[in-house]
């Protein structure tokens, strides 16, 4: 697995309401330096998925972009309709 020094770890998907969930092994969380409350990104990469911890800077940019979209939603919709 891309030089991480451990073998593939299998987990089973489970249903939780309308979602499917899977636990993330402690060794993976330690590698990511991820803790409860951290945000993780899931990035499709061909037939695989890259999981990475979202940086504080990414979270700030995401929060700012969400604020901008909320503030200018009507303006953007009006532009699209033109």
Protein backbone atom coordinates (compact mmCIF):
# COMPACT_ATOMS: atom_id res chain seq x y z
CA UNK A 1 0.00 0.00 0.00
CA UNK A 2 2.15 2.81 -1.34
CA UNK A 3 5.08 2.21 0.97
CA UNK A 4 3.29 2.63 4.32
CA UNK A 5 4.99 -0.43 5.75
CA UNK A 6 1.93 -2.56 6.51
CA UNK A 7 -0.29 -5.02 4.72
CA UNK A 8 -3.80 -4.31 3.44
CA UNK A 9 -6.40 -4.33 6.20
CA UNK A 10 -9.88 -5.64 5.43
CA UNK A 11 -13.04 -4.11 6.85
CA UNK A 12 -16.70 -4.87 6.18
CA UNK A 13 -19.26 -2.25 5.20
CA UNK A 14 -22.22 -1.98 7.52
CA UNK A 15 -25.54 -0.20 7.11
CA UNK A 16 -26.33 2.71 9.42
CA UNK A 17 -29.63 4.34 8.53
CA UNK A 18 -29.43 5.33 4.85
CA UNK A 19 -25.61 5.25 4.89
CA UNK A 20 -22.92 2.62 4.65
CA UNK A 21 -20.14 2.87 7.26
CA UNK A 22 -16.75 1.29 7.77
CA UNK A 23 -14.41 1.57 10.76
CA UNK A 24 -10.93 2.95 10.20
CA UNK A 25 -8.18 0.94 11.90
CA UNK A 26 -6.16 2.62 14.63
CA UNK A 27 -2.92 2.11 12.66
CA UNK A 28 -4.36 4.11 9.74
CA UNK A 29 -5.56 6.89 12.05
CA UNK A 30 -2.12 7.04 13.65
CA UNK A 31 -0.49 7.26 10.21
CA UNK A 32 -2.82 10.16 9.34
CA UNK A 33 -2.39 11.70 12.80
CA UNK A 34 -6.19 11.89 12.83
CA UNK A 35 -8.25 12.24 15.98
CA UNK A 36 -11.93 12.38 16.84
CA UNK A 37 -13.49 15.47 15.29
CA UNK A 38 -10.94 15.76 12.46
CA UNK A 39 -12.26 15.86 8.93
CA UNK A 40 -11.09 13.25 6.44
CA UNK A 41 -11.13 13.62 2.66
CA UNK A 42 -11.98 10.68 0.42
CA UNK A 43 -10.51 11.25 -3.05
CA UNK A 44 -11.37 8.80 -5.87
CA UNK A 45 -8.22 7.59 -7.67
CA UNK A 46 -9.15 5.14 -10.41
CA UNK A 47 -10.37 1.96 -8.72
CA UNK A 48 -8.99 3.14 -5.34
CA UNK A 49 -9.74 5.90 -2.85
CA UNK A 50 -7.14 8.10 -1.17
CA UNK A 51 -8.00 8.99 2.43
CA UNK A 52 -6.25 12.00 3.91
CA UNK A 53 -6.70 14.28 6.85
CA UNK A 54 -8.03 17.68 5.88
CA UNK A 55 -5.61 20.41 6.82
CA UNK A 56 -6.69 23.41 8.89
CA UNK A 57 -6.07 25.65 5.88
CA UNK A 58 -8.35 23.51 3.70
CA UNK A 59 -11.05 23.67 6.36
CA UNK A 60 -10.77 27.47 6.51
CA UNK A 61 -11.04 27.75 2.72
CA UNK A 62 -14.03 25.38 2.69
CA UNK A 63 -15.77 27.38 5.44
CA UNK A 64 -15.09 30.66 3.61
CA UNK A 65 -16.36 29.28 0.30
CA UNK A 66 -19.53 27.99 1.99
CA UNK A 67 -20.11 31.45 3.47
CA UNK A 68 -19.59 33.08 0.06
CA UNK A 69 -21.97 30.66 -1.67
CA UNK A 70 -24.61 31.26 0.99
CA UNK A 71 -24.18 35.04 0.79
CA UNK A 72 -24.22 35.28 -3.02
CA UNK A 73 -26.49 32.33 -3.87
CA UNK A 74 -29.26 34.47 -5.37
CA UNK A 75 -26.79 36.56 -7.39
CA UNK A 76 -25.14 33.44 -8.81
CA UNK A 77 -28.50 31.91 -9.72
CA UNK A 78 -29.52 35.13 -11.48
CA UNK A 79 -26.29 35.06 -13.50
CA UNK A 80 -26.91 31.47 -14.56
CA UNK A 81 -30.43 32.34 -15.70
CA UNK A 82 -29.17 35.12 -18.03
